[in-house]
Amino acid sequence: GEAGQRRLQQSRVLVLGAGGLGAPAGFYLAAAGVGHLRFADHDRVERSNLHRQIVHTEASVGQFKVDSARERLLALNPSIEVEAVPERVTSENVDALLEGVDVVLDGSDNFPLRYLLNDACIKHAKPLVYAAIERFDGQVSVFDAGRQRGVAPCYRCLFPEPPPPEFAPNCSEAGVLGVLPGLAGVLQATEVLKLLLGIGEPLVGRLLRFDALGMRFRETGIRPDPHCPVCAPGVSFPGYIDYAAFCRGG
């Protein structure tokens, strides 16, 4: 209704990554009327991106992805604000990126950035809408430990240790069915809208996994780790770390 539309108009969402996940999610968030979208990504559009990163076109090749996304989303809905930040997300700028936003959407494709976003969202008490994809499989969840200590898990509760790099390729390295990021991104956009509107049951404490080849969806419960070094009740924020070294096992 009108009240919900006003609420969306007053909302601010940070989208980390303007690629396979951020592209479809951004389209639907813009179309829904989310008032302010902030995109952060240092990558430029390559022709090999176009089969799965649908916010970009042939004319976008060579542009910063955030600039390309901004143009397309404003063409779709010129009544919203789209902020483009063409920077690599690091522990030095992540606090500023989270400033003033209501929800964070993780469209990253690497483990160091996922751990950084998790820790930053706990520090700033922001809900984090997560997704990951590989080849024909995907998963989506909502981590809200910053606002629900001891009740909601964080990303570290699900993955206390990162996998070895050789077992964690990104989409470019492992390959992915082009429509799969769209499916995951639309699910992320759905979760963002639910959080902004305060409706339904967000995927907090639940990991939704899907197999596109068999078109099967499965849900797994996630419990908060009472010994989590970042989100356990009573634990002070330990500060950011060298996430690349952490993910290398260093």
C-alpha atoms as a PDB file:
ATOM      1  CA  GLY A   1       0.000   0.000   0.000  1.00  0.00           C
ATOM      2  CA  GLU A   2       0.908   3.673   0.130  1.00  0.00           C
ATOM      3  CA  ALA A   3       2.470   3.392   3.591  1.00  0.00           C
ATOM      4  CA  GLY A   4       4.764   0.617   2.402  1.00  0.00           C
ATOM      5  CA  GLN A   5       5.721   2.589  -0.682  1.00  0.00           C
ATOM      6  CA  ARG A   6       6.623   5.594   1.459  1.00  0.00           C
ATOM      7  CA  ARG A   7       8.708   3.336   3.651  1.00  0.00           C
ATOM      8  CA  LEU A   8      10.629   2.036   0.654  1.00  0.00           C
ATOM      9  CA  GLN A   9      11.115   5.568  -0.643  1.00  0.00           C
ATOM     10  CA  GLN A  10      12.765   6.507   2.650  1.00  0.00           C
ATOM     11  CA  SER A  11      15.001   3.410   2.695  1.00  0.00           C
ATOM     12  CA  ARG A  12      18.680   3.148   1.846  1.00  0.00           C
ATOM     13  CA  VAL A  13      20.382  -0.044   0.669  1.00  0.00           C
ATOM     14  CA  LEU A  14      24.064  -0.762   0.108  1.00  0.00           C
ATOM     15  CA  VAL A  15      24.757  -3.198  -2.735  1.00  0.00           C
ATOM     16  CA  LEU A  16      28.299  -4.586  -2.680  1.00  0.00           C
ATOM     17  CA  GLY A  17      29.053  -5.617  -6.234  1.00  0.00           C
ATOM     18  CA  ALA A  18      27.333  -4.540  -9.460  1.00  0.00           C
ATOM     19  CA  GLY A  19      27.771  -7.901 -11.147  1.00  0.00           C
ATOM     20  CA  GLY A  20      25.831 -11.145 -11.366  1.00  0.00           C
ATOM     21  CA  LEU A  21      23.984 -10.796  -8.053  1.00  0.00           C
ATOM     22  CA  GLY A  22      23.836  -7.032  -7.696  1.00  0.00           C
ATOM     23  CA  ALA A  23      22.525  -6.534 -11.246  1.00  0.00           C
ATOM     24  CA  PRO A  24      19.176  -8.375 -10.960  1.00  0.00           C
ATOM     25  CA  ALA A  25      18.732  -7.379  -7.328  1.00  0.00           C
ATOM     26  CA  GLY A  26      19.347  -3.748  -8.227  1.00  0.00           C
ATOM     27  CA  PHE A  27      16.759  -3.837 -11.011  1.00  0.00           C
ATOM     28  CA  TYR A  28      14.044  -5.081  -8.685  1.00  0.00           C
ATOM     29  CA  LEU A  29      14.971  -2.782  -5.800  1.00  0.00           C
ATOM     30  CA  ALA A  30      14.913   0.200  -8.163  1.00  0.00           C
ATOM     31  CA  ALA A  31      11.614  -0.904  -9.686  1.00  0.00           C
ATOM     32  CA  ALA A  32      10.146  -1.351  -6.198  1.00  0.00           C
ATOM     33  CA  GLY A  33      10.994   2.263  -5.392  1.00  0.00           C
ATOM     34  CA  VAL A  34      13.773   1.894  -2.820  1.00  0.00           C
ATOM     35  CA  GLY A  35      14.721   5.542  -2.413  1.00  0.00           C
ATOM     36  CA  HIS A  36      18.513   5.308  -2.294  1.00  0.00           C
ATOM     37  CA  LEU A  37      20.751   2.582  -3.691  1.00  0.00           C
ATOM     38  CA  ARG A  38      24.494   2.768  -3.073  1.00  0.00           C
ATOM     39  CA  PHE A  39      26.594   0.507  -5.316  1.00  0.00           C
ATOM     40  CA  ALA A  40      30.249  -0.182  -4.533  1.00  0.00           C
ATOM     41  CA  ASP A  41      32.457  -2.090  -6.979  1.00  0.00           C
ATOM     42  CA  HIS A  42      35.890  -1.377  -8.463  1.00  0.00           C
ATOM     43  CA  ASP A  43      35.482  -3.612 -11.520  1.00  0.00           C
ATOM     44  CA  ARG A  44      34.842  -2.532 -15.090  1.00  0.00           C
ATOM     45  CA  VAL A  45      32.398  -4.224 -17.446  1.00  0.00           C
ATOM     46  CA  GLU A  46      33.885  -6.921 -19.684  1.00  0.00           C
ATOM     47  CA  ARG A  47      32.151  -8.580 -22.601  1.00  0.00           C
ATOM     48  CA  SER A  48      32.379 -11.939 -20.819  1.00  0.00           C
ATOM     49  CA  ASN A  49      30.154 -10.517 -18.049  1.00  0.00           C
ATOM     50  CA  LEU A  50      27.139  -9.832 -20.233  1.00  0.00           C
ATOM     51  CA  HIS A  51      25.550 -13.300 -20.191  1.00  0.00           C
ATOM     52  CA  ARG A  52      24.949 -13.105 -16.450  1.00  0.00           C
ATOM     53  CA  GLN A  53      25.235  -9.433 -15.409  1.00  0.00           C
ATOM     54  CA  ILE A  54      22.053  -8.174 -17.032  1.00  0.00           C
ATOM     55  CA  VAL A  55      22.246  -4.559 -15.891  1.00  0.00           C
ATOM     56  CA  HIS A  56      25.092  -4.030 -18.381  1.00  0.00           C
ATOM     57  CA  THR A  57      25.004  -3.881 -22.184  1.00  0.00           C
ATOM     58  CA  GLU A  58      27.487  -4.053 -25.037  1.00  0.00           C
ATOM     59  CA  ALA A  59      27.772  -0.275 -24.821  1.00  0.00           C
ATOM     60  CA  SER A  60      28.816  -0.606 -21.160  1.00  0.00           C
ATOM     61  CA  VAL A  61      32.027  -2.530 -21.895  1.00  0.00           C
ATOM     62  CA  GLY A  62      34.949  -0.658 -20.354  1.00  0.00           C
ATOM     63  CA  GLN A  63      32.776   1.373 -17.987  1.00  0.00           C
ATOM     64  CA  PHE A  64      32.907   1.028 -14.233  1.00  0.00           C
ATOM     65  CA  LYS A  65      30.149  -1.414 -13.350  1.00  0.00           C
ATOM     66  CA  VAL A  66      28.696   0.984 -10.793  1.00  0.00           C
ATOM     67  CA  ASP A  67      28.396   3.747 -13.405  1.00  0.00           C
ATOM     68  CA  SER A  68      26.773   1.396 -15.901  1.00  0.00           C
ATOM     69  CA  ALA A  69      24.342   0.164 -13.239  1.00  0.00           C
ATOM     70  CA  ARG A  70      23.496   3.710 -12.196  1.00  0.00           C
ATOM     71  CA  GLU A  71      22.592   4.674 -15.773  1.00  0.00           C
ATOM     72  CA  ARG A  72      20.326   1.663 -16.295  1.00  0.00           C
ATOM     73  CA  LEU A  73      18.560   1.902 -12.939  1.00  0.00           C
ATOM     74  CA  LEU A  74      17.874   5.620 -13.274  1.00  0.00           C
ATOM     75  CA  ALA A  75      16.487   4.961 -16.752  1.00  0.00           C
ATOM     76  CA  LEU A  76      14.138   2.447 -15.126  1.00  0.00           C
ATOM     77  CA  ASN A  77      13.148   4.687 -12.202  1.00  0.00           C
ATOM     78  CA  PRO A  78      14.357   8.302 -12.337  1.00  0.00           C
ATOM     79  CA  SER A  79      12.599   9.129  -9.054  1.00  0.00           C
ATOM     80  CA  ILE A  80      15.189   7.286  -6.931  1.00  0.00           C
ATOM     81  CA  GLU A  81      18.803   8.083  -6.079  1.00  0.00           C
ATOM     82  CA  VAL A  82      21.579   5.751  -7.219  1.00  0.00           C
ATOM     83  CA  GLU A  83      25.033   6.393  -5.793  1.00  0.00           C
ATOM     84  CA  ALA A  84      28.012   4.895  -7.627  1.00  0.00           C
ATOM     85  CA  VAL A  85      31.198   4.207  -5.660  1.00  0.00           C
ATOM     86  CA  PRO A  86      33.883   2.844  -8.040  1.00  0.00           C
ATOM     87  CA  GLU A  87      36.171   1.627  -5.268  1.00  0.00           C
ATOM     88  CA  ARG A  88      37.465  -1.685  -3.979  1.00  0.00           C
ATOM     89  CA  VAL A  89      35.761  -2.407  -0.651  1.00  0.00           C
ATOM     90  CA  THR A  90      38.335  -2.640   2.142  1.00  0.00           C
ATOM     91  CA  SER A  91      38.512  -2.347   5.909  1.00  0.00           C
ATOM     92  CA  GLU A  92      39.505   1.296   5.355  1.00  0.00           C
ATOM     93  CA  ASN A  93      36.306   2.353   3.569  1.00  0.00           C
ATOM     94  CA  VAL A  94      33.682  -0.195   4.630  1.00  0.00           C
ATOM     95  CA  ASP A  95      32.537   1.838   7.643  1.00  0.00           C
ATOM     96  CA  ALA A  96      31.812   4.853   5.450  1.00  0.00           C
ATOM     97  CA  LEU A  97      29.978   2.670   2.927  1.00  0.00           C
ATOM     98  CA  LEU A  98      27.670   1.307   5.630  1.00  0.00           C
ATOM     99  CA  GLU A  99      26.917   4.740   7.039  1.00  0.00           C
ATOM    100  CA  GLY A 100      23.218   5.560   6.924  1.00  0.00           C
ATOM    101  CA  VAL A 101      22.024   2.401   5.168  1.00  0.00           C
ATOM    102  CA  ASP A 102      19.241   0.131   6.399  1.00  0.00           C
ATOM    103  CA  VAL A 103      20.251  -3.149   4.740  1.00  0.00           C
ATOM    104  CA  VAL A 104      23.414  -4.487   3.083  1.00  0.00           C
ATOM    105  CA  LEU A 105      23.210  -6.795   0.071  1.00  0.00           C
ATOM    106  CA  ASP A 106      26.297  -8.939  -0.473  1.00  0.00           C
ATOM    107  CA  GLY A 107      26.902  -9.382  -4.181  1.00  0.00           C
ATOM    108  CA  SER A 108      30.579 -10.262  -3.762  1.00  0.00           C
ATOM    109  CA  ASP A 109      32.256 -13.323  -5.243  1.00  0.00           C
ATOM    110  CA  ASN A 110      35.125 -13.939  -2.830  1.00  0.00           C
ATOM    111  CA  PHE A 111      35.572 -15.057   0.752  1.00  0.00           C
ATOM    112  CA  PRO A 112      37.738 -12.195   2.085  1.00  0.00           C
ATOM    113  CA  LEU A 113      35.054  -9.655   1.206  1.00  0.00           C
ATOM    114  CA  ARG A 114      32.284 -11.821   2.657  1.00  0.00           C
ATOM    115  CA  TYR A 115      34.063 -12.031   6.006  1.00  0.00           C
ATOM    116  CA  LEU A 116      34.752  -8.291   5.961  1.00  0.00           C
ATOM    117  CA  LEU A 117      31.100  -7.478   5.233  1.00  0.00           C
ATOM    118  CA  ASN A 118      29.955  -9.859   7.937  1.00  0.00           C
ATOM    119  CA  ASP A 119      32.164  -8.233  10.546  1.00  0.00           C
ATOM    120  CA  ALA A 120      31.234  -4.707   9.456  1.00  0.00           C
ATOM    121  CA  CYS A 121      27.516  -5.484   9.572  1.00  0.00           C
ATOM    122  CA  ILE A 122      27.862  -6.845  13.098  1.00  0.00           C
ATOM    123  CA  LYS A 123      29.841  -3.776  14.147  1.00  0.00           C
ATOM    124  CA  HIS A 124      27.175  -1.438  12.754  1.00  0.00           C
ATOM    125  CA  ALA A 125      24.140  -3.651  13.535  1.00  0.00           C
ATOM    126  CA  LYS A 126      23.014  -3.918   9.899  1.00  0.00           C
ATOM    127  CA  PRO A 127      21.228  -6.944   8.399  1.00  0.00           C
ATOM    128  CA  LEU A 128      23.298  -8.646   5.696  1.00  0.00           C
ATOM    129  CA  VAL A 129      21.552 -10.386   2.794  1.00  0.00           C
ATOM    130  CA  TYR A 130      23.976 -13.024   1.516  1.00  0.00           C
ATOM    131  CA  ALA A 131      24.102 -15.170  -1.603  1.00  0.00           C
ATOM    132  CA  ALA A 132      26.705 -17.341  -3.288  1.00  0.00           C
ATOM    133  CA  ILE A 133      26.627 -19.295  -6.524  1.00  0.00           C
ATOM    134  CA  GLU A 134      28.818 -21.826  -8.302  1.00  0.00           C
ATOM    135  CA  ARG A 135      28.140 -23.656 -11.549  1.00  0.00           C
ATOM    136  CA  PHE A 136      24.546 -24.918 -11.075  1.00  0.00           C
ATOM    137  CA  ASP A 137      24.093 -24.372  -7.332  1.00  0.00           C
ATOM    138  CA  GLY A 138      23.330 -21.411  -5.131  1.00  0.00           C
ATOM    139  CA  GLN A 139      22.518 -20.417  -1.575  1.00  0.00           C
ATOM    140  CA  VAL A 140      20.881 -17.440   0.120  1.00  0.00           C
ATOM    141  CA  SER A 141      20.538 -16.358   3.755  1.00  0.00           C
ATOM    142  CA  VAL A 142      20.114 -13.306   5.978  1.00  0.00           C
ATOM    143  CA  PHE A 143      22.633 -12.665   8.756  1.00  0.00           C
ATOM    144  CA  ASP A 144      21.345 -10.316  11.446  1.00  0.00           C
ATOM    145  CA  ALA A 145      23.565 -11.072  14.421  1.00  0.00           C
ATOM    146  CA  GLY A 146      24.399  -7.411  14.916  1.00  0.00           C
ATOM    147  CA  ARG A 147      20.813  -6.685  15.957  1.00  0.00           C
ATOM    148  CA  GLN A 148      20.002 -10.098  17.460  1.00  0.00           C
ATOM    149  CA  ARG A 149      23.017 -11.226  19.481  1.00  0.00           C
ATOM    150  CA  GLY A 150      22.777 -14.829  20.577  1.00  0.00           C
ATOM    151  CA  VAL A 151      19.593 -15.356  18.554  1.00  0.00           C
ATOM    152  CA  ALA A 152      20.613 -14.870  14.936  1.00  0.00           C
ATOM    153  CA  PRO A 153      23.799 -16.386  13.477  1.00  0.00           C
ATOM    154  CA  CYS A 154      26.405 -14.553  11.429  1.00  0.00           C
ATOM    155  CA  TYR A 155      28.378 -15.687   8.392  1.00  0.00           C
ATOM    156  CA  ARG A 156      31.189 -16.895  10.661  1.00  0.00           C
ATOM    157  CA  CYS A 157      28.751 -19.148  12.505  1.00  0.00           C
ATOM    158  CA  LEU A 158      28.068 -20.874   9.183  1.00  0.00           C
ATOM    159  CA  PHE A 159      31.675 -20.812   7.951  1.00  0.00           C
ATOM    160  CA  PRO A 160      34.059 -20.473  10.929  1.00  0.00           C
ATOM    161  CA  GLU A 161      36.994 -21.158   8.618  1.00  0.00           C
ATOM    162  CA  PRO A 162      37.246 -20.342   4.908  1.00  0.00           C
ATOM    163  CA  PRO A 163      37.833 -23.190   2.473  1.00  0.00           C
ATOM    164  CA  PRO A 164      41.259 -23.512   0.849  1.00  0.00           C
ATOM    165  CA  PRO A 165      41.539 -21.132  -2.127  1.00  0.00           C
ATOM    166  CA  GLU A 166      41.721 -24.004  -4.601  1.00  0.00           C
ATOM    167  CA  PHE A 167      38.261 -25.123  -3.446  1.00  0.00           C
ATOM    168  CA  ALA A 168      36.749 -21.640  -3.637  1.00  0.00           C
ATOM    169  CA  PRO A 169      36.911 -20.394  -7.240  1.00  0.00           C
ATOM    170  CA  ASN A 170      34.874 -17.380  -8.314  1.00  0.00           C
ATOM    171  CA  CYS A 171      32.328 -17.430 -11.142  1.00  0.00           C
ATOM    172  CA  SER A 172      34.889 -16.510 -13.777  1.00  0.00           C
ATOM    173  CA  GLU A 173      37.142 -19.377 -12.728  1.00  0.00           C
ATOM    174  CA  ALA A 174      34.545 -22.084 -12.075  1.00  0.00           C
ATOM    175  CA  GLY A 175      31.914 -21.064 -14.590  1.00  0.00           C
ATOM    176  CA  VAL A 176      28.244 -20.552 -13.844  1.00  0.00           C
ATOM    177  CA  LEU A 177      24.957 -21.061 -15.663  1.00  0.00           C
ATOM    178  CA  GLY A 178      24.100 -17.529 -16.793  1.00  0.00           C
ATOM    179  CA  VAL A 179      20.592 -17.449 -15.323  1.00  0.00           C
ATOM    180  CA  LEU A 180      21.696 -18.684 -11.893  1.00  0.00           C
ATOM    181  CA  PRO A 181      22.909 -15.292 -10.575  1.00  0.00           C
ATOM    182  CA  GLY A 182      19.538 -13.880 -11.612  1.00  0.00           C
ATOM    183  CA  LEU A 183      17.712 -16.450  -9.538  1.00  0.00           C
ATOM    184  CA  ALA A 184      19.887 -15.790  -6.490  1.00  0.00           C
ATOM    185  CA  GLY A 185      19.781 -12.016  -6.949  1.00  0.00           C
ATOM    186  CA  VAL A 186      15.987 -11.970  -7.144  1.00  0.00           C
ATOM    187  CA  LEU A 187      15.826 -13.998  -3.925  1.00  0.00           C
ATOM    188  CA  GLN A 188      18.164 -11.460  -2.316  1.00  0.00           C
ATOM    189  CA  ALA A 189      15.998  -8.561  -3.487  1.00  0.00           C
ATOM    190  CA  THR A 190      12.978 -10.317  -1.989  1.00  0.00           C
ATOM    191  CA  GLU A 191      14.723 -10.606   1.374  1.00  0.00           C
ATOM    192  CA  VAL A 192      15.800  -6.949   1.271  1.00  0.00           C
ATOM    193  CA  LEU A 193      12.234  -5.801   0.623  1.00  0.00           C
ATOM    194  CA  LYS A 194      10.908  -7.988   3.445  1.00  0.00           C
ATOM    195  CA  LEU A 195      13.437  -6.485   5.847  1.00  0.00           C
ATOM    196  CA  LEU A 196      12.683  -2.916   4.778  1.00  0.00           C
ATOM    197  CA  LEU A 197       8.925  -3.409   5.029  1.00  0.00           C
ATOM    198  CA  GLY A 198       8.968  -5.566   8.157  1.00  0.00           C
ATOM    199  CA  ILE A 199       6.887  -8.281   6.518  1.00  0.00           C
ATOM    200  CA  GLY A 200       7.079 -12.049   6.267  1.00  0.00           C
ATOM    201  CA  GLU A 201       9.781 -14.251   7.715  1.00  0.00           C
ATOM    202  CA  PRO A 202      13.293 -13.316   6.551  1.00  0.00           C
ATOM    203  CA  LEU A 203      15.865 -16.063   6.055  1.00  0.00           C
ATOM    204  CA  VAL A 204      17.466 -15.384   9.441  1.00  0.00           C
ATOM    205  CA  GLY A 205      18.906 -18.594  10.858  1.00  0.00           C
ATOM    206  CA  ARG A 206      18.072 -20.432   7.646  1.00  0.00           C
ATOM    207  CA  LEU A 207      20.197 -21.245   4.605  1.00  0.00           C
ATOM    208  CA  LEU A 208      18.172 -21.706   1.423  1.00  0.00           C
ATOM    209  CA  ARG A 209      20.082 -23.874  -1.033  1.00  0.00           C
ATOM    210  CA  PHE A 210      19.037 -24.647  -4.583  1.00  0.00           C
ATOM    211  CA  ASP A 211      20.157 -26.987  -7.338  1.00  0.00           C
ATOM    212  CA  ALA A 212      19.222 -25.534 -10.722  1.00  0.00           C
ATOM    213  CA  LEU A 213      19.787 -28.788 -12.624  1.00  0.00           C
ATOM    214  CA  GLY A 214      17.267 -30.671 -10.511  1.00  0.00           C
ATOM    215  CA  MET A 215      15.347 -27.468  -9.645  1.00  0.00           C
ATOM    216  CA  ARG A 216      15.229 -28.461  -6.004  1.00  0.00           C
ATOM    217  CA  PHE A 217      15.248 -26.131  -3.010  1.00  0.00           C
ATOM    218  CA  ARG A 218      16.373 -27.220   0.441  1.00  0.00           C
ATOM    219  CA  GLU A 219      16.485 -25.318   3.697  1.00  0.00           C
ATOM    220  CA  THR A 220      19.059 -25.862   6.436  1.00  0.00           C
ATOM    221  CA  GLY A 221      18.871 -24.330   9.888  1.00  0.00           C
ATOM    222  CA  ILE A 222      21.852 -22.285  11.123  1.00  0.00           C
ATOM    223  CA  ARG A 223      22.446 -21.826  14.833  1.00  0.00           C
ATOM    224  CA  PRO A 224      24.414 -18.963  16.352  1.00  0.00           C
ATOM    225  CA  ASP A 225      27.804 -20.098  17.605  1.00  0.00           C
ATOM    226  CA  PRO A 226      28.000 -19.233  21.333  1.00  0.00           C
ATOM    227  CA  HIS A 227      31.779 -19.000  20.935  1.00  0.00           C
ATOM    228  CA  CYS A 228      31.822 -16.921  17.745  1.00  0.00           C
ATOM    229  CA  PRO A 229      34.698 -14.423  18.035  1.00  0.00           C
ATOM    230  CA  VAL A 230      32.617 -11.647  16.476  1.00  0.00           C
ATOM    231  CA  CYS A 231      28.909 -12.105  17.267  1.00  0.00           C
ATOM    232  CA  ALA A 232      28.724 -14.067  20.539  1.00  0.00           C
ATOM    233  CA  PRO A 233      26.829 -12.236  23.300  1.00  0.00           C
ATOM    234  CA  GLY A 234      29.125 -10.038  25.359  1.00  0.00           C
ATOM    235  CA  VAL A 235      31.949 -10.092  22.804  1.00  0.00           C
ATOM    236  CA  SER A 236      33.340  -6.683  21.924  1.00  0.00           C
ATOM    237  CA  PHE A 237      34.050  -5.999  18.273  1.00  0.00           C
ATOM    238  CA  PRO A 238      37.621  -7.295  17.770  1.00  0.00           C
ATOM    239  CA  GLY A 239      38.465  -4.987  14.888  1.00  0.00           C
ATOM    240  CA  TYR A 240      39.079  -5.745  11.247  1.00  0.00           C
ATOM    241  CA  ILE A 241      41.791  -8.192  10.247  1.00  0.00           C
ATOM    242  CA  ASP A 242      43.777  -9.045   7.127  1.00  0.00           C
ATOM    243  CA  TYR A 243      40.976 -11.008   5.476  1.00  0.00           C
ATOM    244  CA  ALA A 244      43.038 -12.093   2.478  1.00  0.00           C
ATOM    245  CA  ALA A 245      45.631 -13.642   4.799  1.00  0.00           C
ATOM    246  CA  PHE A 246      42.857 -15.208   6.904  1.00  0.00           C
ATOM    247  CA  CYS A 247      41.375 -16.852   3.813  1.00  0.00           C
ATOM    248  CA  ARG A 248      44.807 -18.113   2.760  1.00  0.00           C
ATOM    249  CA  GLY A 249      45.172 -19.738   6.146  1.00  0.00           C
ATOM    250  CA  GLY A 250      47.718 -17.172   7.281  1.00  0.00           C
END
